[in-house]
Amino acid sequence: MSLSETALPFDDIRNLVKSMPGPDEEALQKVRERDSQLTKPAGSLGRLEEIAEWLAAWSGNAPPKVTRPMVAIFASAHGVADEGVSAFPSAVNKQMVENFAAGGAAINQLCRVNDIGLKVFDLAVDMPTPSITREDAMDEANCAATMAYGMEALAGGIDLVCLGEMGIGNTTVAAAVFHALFGGEASDWIGRGTGVDDDGLSRKRDAVEKAVARLNGESDPLEILRKVGGREIAAMAGLIIAARLQRVPVIVDGFVTTAAAAVVHVMNPSGLDHCLFAHVSAEHAHGRVLERLGKDALFDFGMRLGEGSGAALAAGVVKAACEMHSGMATFADAGVSGKS
């Protein structure tokens, strides 16, 4: 999937969002009909039954199947990290990309145990974006190109994609995106991220305030993304859009990945219907964001790592829901009496 070269690159993005397809109603109905015949009381598997329906509706497969799941981690660097908003230095960006490649990160273990593929996309971790307190993170052409890059991440027949990210300072950037999209005060959207102390939290609040003040009330979600966002957020937003167009269900991870989802939601309130939200992050504002988006996360484990870690755990649940629906016998198959 590629974007045409136009005078206004964001127009291509907007047109794609407008052309998003709806659910496959035929596949959804087939799953519901089969579910009513499975050897269990109706509704007894609760949300697992809903997940099977969701997977069928947005993949077009009935019964639903997951054969090539993937965690896609987008790694980026942020100039705002130099302003003391994180407990870790920017050098960690490159070091963690190397750790992913060596199989030593948490996400490597989660992918292994759940039999999920992993791809890491290095979005120039050696070249941080300008600090959003002083300059725009990207111009329109670069932001659109980064979104297009994220769209290409689905190549290779992926049928379930889990969003992941890594970038020192990116909870500050995500907080700025939320503040610009949803208003309130900067303090409503910030948290301790990688574990900043009180002074670091104060610097984080100041950075978000300065970044959003530069916007002068800008409300266009793509303009907000390019001015106070980051490359990983842009790439993930592009992936969400492409996944909808290609009928690939998406699992959104935590606080930063939800910033990408929020951009798409503001563009099209139904634009996240093909997305499942894995967990409620320990970043206190994440629950508030999910309420804004009208989404209920699968679980709350107090996680705040990123890397797609929560999404990988949720993918295991999705795979289980799929297998239970597809593999369970019907009453007729098993010779079990149905409801009297």
Protein backbone atom coordinates (compact mmCIF):
# COMPACT_ATOMS: atom_id res chain seq x y z
CA MET A 1 0.00 0.00 0.00
CA SER A 2 1.41 3.39 -0.90
CA LEU A 3 0.34 7.01 -0.85
CA SER A 4 0.32 9.14 -3.96
CA GLU A 5 2.52 12.19 -4.25
CA THR A 6 0.27 15.19 -3.85
CA ALA A 7 0.67 18.78 -2.74
CA LEU A 8 -1.05 17.84 0.50
CA PRO A 9 0.15 14.41 1.68
CA PHE A 10 -2.38 14.25 4.51
CA ASP A 11 -5.21 14.28 1.98
CA ASP A 12 -4.26 10.73 1.02
CA ILE A 13 -4.49 9.66 4.65
CA ARG A 14 -7.86 11.31 5.08
CA ASN A 15 -9.21 9.60 1.96
CA LEU A 16 -8.07 6.20 3.23
CA VAL A 17 -9.79 6.78 6.57
CA LYS A 18 -12.99 7.75 4.77
CA SER A 19 -12.91 4.50 2.77
CA MET A 20 -12.60 2.14 5.75
CA PRO A 21 -14.86 -0.91 5.29
CA GLY A 22 -17.33 -2.13 7.89
CA PRO A 23 -17.51 -5.60 9.45
CA ASP A 24 -18.18 -8.75 7.47
CA GLU A 25 -21.77 -9.37 8.57
CA GLU A 26 -21.98 -12.76 6.88
CA ALA A 27 -18.94 -14.10 8.76
CA LEU A 28 -20.29 -12.64 11.99
CA GLN A 29 -23.64 -14.35 11.55
CA LYS A 30 -21.98 -17.70 10.80
CA VAL A 31 -20.00 -17.50 14.04
CA ARG A 32 -23.10 -16.65 16.03
CA GLU A 33 -25.02 -19.55 14.51
CA ARG A 34 -22.22 -22.01 15.25
CA ASP A 35 -21.78 -20.66 18.77
CA SER A 36 -25.43 -21.39 19.52
CA GLN A 37 -24.82 -25.08 18.74
CA LEU A 38 -21.58 -25.60 20.69
CA THR A 39 -21.48 -27.89 23.72
CA LYS A 40 -21.84 -25.20 26.38
CA PRO A 41 -24.57 -22.99 27.79
CA ALA A 42 -25.14 -19.89 25.68
CA GLY A 43 -22.90 -17.05 26.82
CA SER A 44 -20.98 -19.21 29.26
CA LEU A 45 -17.59 -18.22 27.82
CA GLY A 46 -18.40 -14.55 28.20
CA ARG A 47 -15.97 -12.24 26.50
CA LEU A 48 -14.21 -15.11 24.76
CA GLU A 49 -17.34 -15.53 22.66
CA GLU A 50 -17.30 -11.81 21.85
CA ILE A 51 -13.66 -12.05 20.78
CA ALA A 52 -14.46 -14.90 18.39
CA GLU A 53 -17.21 -12.77 16.86
CA TRP A 54 -14.90 -9.75 16.64
CA LEU A 55 -12.18 -11.77 14.95
CA ALA A 56 -14.60 -13.15 12.36
CA ALA A 57 -16.22 -9.80 11.68
CA TRP A 58 -12.96 -8.03 10.96
CA SER A 59 -11.03 -10.82 9.27
CA GLY A 60 -13.92 -12.16 7.21
CA ASN A 61 -13.16 -15.71 8.31
CA ALA A 62 -15.81 -18.02 9.78
CA PRO A 63 -14.82 -19.92 11.73
CA PRO A 64 -12.15 -17.41 12.78
CA LYS A 65 -8.51 -18.37 12.58
CA VAL A 66 -5.14 -16.96 13.59
CA THR A 67 -2.24 -18.48 11.68
CA ARG A 68 0.28 -15.66 11.34
CA PRO A 69 0.10 -13.30 14.33
CA MET A 70 2.81 -10.68 14.68
CA VAL A 71 3.98 -8.12 17.20
CA ALA A 72 5.23 -5.03 15.37
CA ILE A 73 7.49 -2.83 17.49
CA PHE A 74 8.24 0.66 16.20
CA ALA A 75 11.31 2.22 17.80
CA SER A 76 12.00 5.94 17.68
CA ALA A 77 13.91 8.71 19.44
CA HIS A 78 12.63 12.01 20.81
CA GLY A 79 14.44 15.28 21.39
CA VAL A 80 12.24 16.02 24.38
CA ALA A 81 14.01 13.19 26.21
CA ASP A 82 16.97 15.54 26.68
CA GLU A 83 14.80 17.74 28.91
CA GLY A 84 14.83 15.34 31.85
CA VAL A 85 11.39 13.83 31.31
CA SER A 86 12.56 10.20 31.54
CA ALA A 87 14.45 8.13 34.07
CA PHE A 88 16.56 6.61 31.28
CA PRO A 89 18.89 8.23 28.70
CA SER A 90 18.22 8.23 24.96
CA ALA A 91 21.11 5.78 24.44
CA VAL A 92 18.71 3.09 25.64
CA ASN A 93 16.81 3.33 22.33
CA LYS A 94 19.57 1.74 20.26
CA GLN A 95 20.54 -0.62 23.07
CA MET A 96 17.00 -1.97 23.32
CA VAL A 97 16.72 -2.45 19.55
CA GLU A 98 19.84 -4.60 19.84
CA ASN A 99 18.31 -6.41 22.80
CA PHE A 100 15.20 -7.21 20.77
CA ALA A 101 17.39 -8.60 18.00
CA ALA A 102 19.31 -10.73 20.49
CA GLY A 103 16.11 -12.16 21.99
CA GLY A 104 16.74 -10.72 25.44
CA ALA A 105 13.72 -8.45 25.97
CA ALA A 106 10.45 -9.24 27.73
CA ILE A 107 8.57 -9.19 24.45
CA ASN A 108 10.83 -11.89 23.00
CA GLN A 109 9.77 -14.26 25.78
CA LEU A 110 6.08 -13.42 25.42
CA CYS A 111 6.19 -13.97 21.66
CA ARG A 112 7.99 -17.27 22.12
CA VAL A 113 5.54 -18.67 24.67
CA ASN A 114 2.52 -17.57 22.61
CA ASP A 115 4.02 -18.56 19.23
CA ILE A 116 3.82 -15.04 17.81
CA GLY A 117 6.13 -13.51 15.22
CA LEU A 118 8.10 -10.37 16.08
CA LYS A 119 9.33 -7.59 13.83
CA VAL A 120 11.17 -4.50 15.04
CA PHE A 121 11.12 -1.38 12.90
CA ASP A 122 13.95 1.08 13.59
CA LEU A 123 12.60 4.56 12.86
CA ALA A 124 15.99 6.30 12.94
CA VAL A 125 16.72 5.81 16.64
CA ASP A 126 20.06 7.59 16.06
CA MET A 127 18.24 10.70 14.82
CA PRO A 128 15.76 12.04 17.39
CA THR A 129 12.93 14.28 16.32
CA PRO A 130 13.23 17.91 17.49
CA SER A 131 12.00 18.63 20.98
CA ILE A 132 8.26 19.19 20.77
CA THR A 133 8.58 21.99 23.33
CA ARG A 134 10.29 24.14 20.67
CA GLU A 135 9.67 22.70 17.21
CA ASP A 136 7.33 20.45 15.29
CA ALA A 137 8.32 16.80 15.45
CA MET A 138 7.77 16.33 11.70
CA ASP A 139 6.64 18.19 8.63
CA GLU A 140 3.57 16.99 6.76
CA ALA A 141 5.49 15.05 4.10
CA ASN A 142 7.65 13.23 6.63
CA CYS A 143 4.71 12.40 8.87
CA ALA A 144 2.68 11.02 5.96
CA ALA A 145 5.68 9.03 4.75
CA THR A 146 6.15 7.56 8.22
CA MET A 147 2.48 6.58 8.34
CA ALA A 148 2.91 4.93 4.94
CA TYR A 149 5.93 3.05 6.30
CA GLY A 150 3.75 1.74 9.11
CA MET A 151 1.19 0.59 6.55
CA GLU A 152 3.81 -1.59 4.89
CA ALA A 153 4.40 -3.49 8.13
CA LEU A 154 1.50 -5.81 7.24
CA ALA A 155 3.33 -7.36 4.29
CA GLY A 156 3.66 -11.13 4.34
CA GLY A 157 0.18 -12.42 5.10
CA ILE A 158 -0.12 -11.30 8.73
CA ASP A 159 -3.62 -12.07 10.04
CA LEU A 160 -3.40 -10.55 13.55
CA VAL A 161 -1.15 -7.64 14.40
CA CYS A 162 -0.14 -6.47 17.87
CA LEU A 163 1.07 -2.90 18.19
CA GLY A 164 4.26 -2.26 20.14
CA GLU A 165 6.64 0.67 20.58
CA MET A 166 9.86 1.69 22.22
CA GLY A 167 11.28 5.18 22.62
CA ILE A 168 12.69 7.03 25.61
CA GLY A 169 10.49 10.07 26.22
CA ASN A 170 7.51 8.77 24.29
CA THR A 171 5.08 8.79 27.21
CA THR A 172 5.67 12.57 27.27
CA VAL A 173 4.93 12.74 23.56
CA ALA A 174 1.82 10.57 23.94
CA ALA A 175 0.60 12.75 26.80
CA ALA A 176 1.00 15.81 24.57
CA VAL A 177 -1.07 14.13 21.86
CA PHE A 178 -3.83 13.27 24.33
CA HIS A 179 -3.79 16.76 25.84
CA ALA A 180 -4.08 18.35 22.40
CA LEU A 181 -6.83 15.97 21.27
CA PHE A 182 -8.93 15.89 24.43
CA GLY A 183 -8.18 19.08 26.34
CA GLY A 184 -8.02 19.39 30.11
CA GLU A 185 -4.73 20.13 31.84
CA ALA A 186 -1.30 18.71 31.10
CA SER A 187 -1.31 17.11 34.55
CA ASP A 188 -4.39 15.06 33.53
CA TRP A 189 -2.37 13.16 30.96
CA ILE A 190 1.12 12.68 32.37
CA GLY A 191 2.46 9.82 34.47
CA ARG A 192 5.78 8.53 35.70
CA GLY A 193 6.56 6.57 32.54
CA THR A 194 9.79 4.65 33.08
CA GLY A 195 9.83 5.77 36.70
CA VAL A 196 10.69 9.46 36.92
CA ASP A 197 10.87 11.11 40.34
CA ASP A 198 8.79 14.10 41.38
CA ASP A 199 11.17 16.60 39.76
CA GLY A 200 11.09 14.60 36.54
CA LEU A 201 7.30 14.51 36.65
CA SER A 202 7.25 18.29 37.01
CA ARG A 203 9.55 18.66 34.00
CA LYS A 204 7.29 16.31 32.08
CA ARG A 205 4.22 18.41 32.87
CA ASP A 206 6.04 21.57 31.79
CA ALA A 207 7.15 19.95 28.54
CA VAL A 208 3.61 18.86 27.67
CA GLU A 209 2.26 22.32 28.50
CA LYS A 210 4.84 24.03 26.29
CA ALA A 211 4.32 21.60 23.42
CA VAL A 212 0.55 21.98 23.36
CA ALA A 213 0.74 25.75 23.83
CA ARG A 214 2.67 25.90 20.56
CA LEU A 215 -0.34 24.45 18.77
CA ASN A 216 -2.45 27.56 19.41
CA GLY A 217 -5.64 25.54 19.57
CA GLU A 218 -4.96 23.30 16.55
CA SER A 219 -7.64 20.57 16.43
CA ASP A 220 -6.81 18.61 13.28
CA PRO A 221 -5.62 15.20 14.55
CA LEU A 222 -3.03 14.76 11.81
CA GLU A 223 -1.59 18.20 12.45
CA ILE A 224 -1.44 17.39 16.15
CA LEU A 225 0.30 14.11 15.34
CA ARG A 226 3.00 15.71 13.23
CA LYS A 227 3.61 18.65 15.54
CA VAL A 228 3.73 17.00 18.97
CA GLY A 229 3.78 13.29 18.15
CA GLY A 230 6.60 10.97 17.18
CA ARG A 231 7.61 8.66 14.38
CA GLU A 232 6.46 5.51 16.19
CA ILE A 233 3.03 7.02 16.86
CA ALA A 234 2.70 8.04 13.20
CA ALA A 235 3.76 4.60 11.98
CA MET A 236 1.31 2.84 14.30
CA ALA A 237 -1.53 5.12 13.18
CA GLY A 238 -0.72 4.18 9.61
CA LEU A 239 -0.71 0.50 10.49
CA ILE A 240 -4.12 0.76 12.16
CA ILE A 241 -5.56 2.34 9.01
CA ALA A 242 -3.95 -0.20 6.66
CA ALA A 243 -5.09 -3.11 8.83
CA ARG A 244 -8.69 -2.00 8.54
CA LEU A 245 -8.42 -1.74 4.76
CA GLN A 246 -6.79 -5.19 4.54
CA ARG A 247 -9.12 -6.83 7.10
CA VAL A 248 -6.43 -7.59 9.64
CA PRO A 249 -7.61 -7.36 13.27
CA VAL A 250 -5.40 -5.25 15.55
CA ILE A 251 -4.51 -5.54 19.24
CA VAL A 252 -3.51 -2.22 20.79
CA ASP A 253 -1.04 -2.39 23.67
CA GLY A 254 -0.82 0.42 26.22
CA PHE A 255 -0.51 4.16 26.75
CA VAL A 256 1.68 5.12 23.79
CA THR A 257 0.08 2.79 21.25
CA THR A 258 -3.30 4.17 22.29
CA ALA A 259 -2.09 7.64 21.27
CA ALA A 260 -1.85 6.36 17.71
CA ALA A 261 -5.32 4.85 18.02
CA ALA A 262 -6.71 8.11 19.40
CA VAL A 263 -5.56 9.99 16.30
CA VAL A 264 -7.48 7.55 14.10
CA HIS A 265 -10.53 7.70 16.40
CA VAL A 266 -10.75 11.49 16.18
CA MET A 267 -10.59 11.23 12.40
CA ASN A 268 -13.31 8.55 12.33
CA PRO A 269 -15.16 7.49 15.51
CA SER A 270 -15.72 4.01 14.07
CA GLY A 271 -12.14 3.74 12.88
CA LEU A 272 -11.09 1.53 15.77
CA ASP A 273 -13.84 -1.08 15.56
CA HIS A 274 -11.31 -3.62 14.25
CA CYS A 275 -9.08 -3.00 17.28
CA LEU A 276 -9.01 -4.86 20.57
CA PHE A 277 -7.43 -3.03 23.51
CA ALA A 278 -5.22 -5.34 25.50
CA HIS A 279 -4.83 -3.79 28.93
CA VAL A 280 -5.13 -0.73 31.13
CA SER A 281 -1.66 0.69 31.61
CA ALA A 282 -0.29 1.70 34.98
CA GLU A 283 -0.03 5.19 33.47
CA HIS A 284 -3.02 6.67 35.27
CA ALA A 285 -4.32 8.58 32.25
CA HIS A 286 -4.69 5.47 30.12
CA GLY A 287 -7.99 4.49 31.69
CA ARG A 288 -9.31 7.99 31.01
CA VAL A 289 -8.28 7.69 27.36
CA LEU A 290 -10.00 4.33 26.97
CA GLU A 291 -13.19 5.87 28.33
CA ARG A 292 -12.89 8.64 25.72
CA LEU A 293 -12.52 6.01 23.01
CA GLY A 294 -15.39 3.90 24.38
CA LYS A 295 -13.17 0.84 24.74
CA ASP A 296 -12.90 -1.79 27.48
CA ALA A 297 -9.48 -3.36 27.91
CA LEU A 298 -9.16 -7.11 28.41
CA PHE A 299 -7.17 -6.91 31.63
CA ASP A 300 -5.36 -4.68 34.12
CA PHE A 301 -2.07 -6.17 35.30
CA GLY A 302 -0.46 -2.88 36.34
CA MET A 303 1.88 -3.05 33.33
CA ARG A 304 3.72 -0.09 31.81
CA LEU A 305 6.58 -1.64 29.86
CA GLY A 306 5.47 -1.04 26.29
CA GLU A 307 7.13 -3.21 23.63
CA GLY A 308 3.72 -4.67 22.79
CA SER A 309 3.95 -6.77 25.95
CA GLY A 310 0.28 -6.46 26.90
CA ALA A 311 -0.80 -6.98 23.30
CA ALA A 312 1.21 -10.21 23.10
CA LEU A 313 -0.51 -11.51 26.23
CA ALA A 314 -3.88 -10.55 24.77
CA ALA A 315 -3.01 -12.35 21.53
CA GLY A 316 -2.80 -15.56 23.51
CA VAL A 317 -6.36 -14.95 24.70
CA VAL A 318 -7.50 -14.22 21.14
CA LYS A 319 -5.91 -17.43 19.90
CA ALA A 320 -7.61 -19.35 22.71
CA ALA A 321 -11.01 -17.84 21.86
CA CYS A 322 -10.48 -18.77 18.23
CA GLU A 323 -9.53 -22.37 19.00
CA MET A 324 -12.41 -22.88 21.41
CA HIS A 325 -14.94 -21.69 18.85
CA SER A 326 -13.41 -23.63 15.98
CA GLY A 327 -12.49 -26.84 17.79
CA MET A 328 -15.37 -27.35 20.18
CA ALA A 329 -17.95 -29.94 19.17
CA THR A 330 -21.57 -29.05 18.54
CA PHE A 331 -24.34 -30.78 20.47
CA ALA A 332 -25.13 -32.84 17.40
CA ASP A 333 -21.49 -33.83 16.80
CA ALA A 334 -20.98 -34.95 20.39
CA GLY A 335 -24.36 -36.56 20.94
CA VAL A 336 -25.00 -34.22 23.87
CA SER A 337 -28.53 -33.12 24.65
CA GLY A 338 -29.21 -29.47 24.10
CA LYS A 339 -31.17 -27.09 26.28
CA SER A 340 -34.62 -28.43 27.08
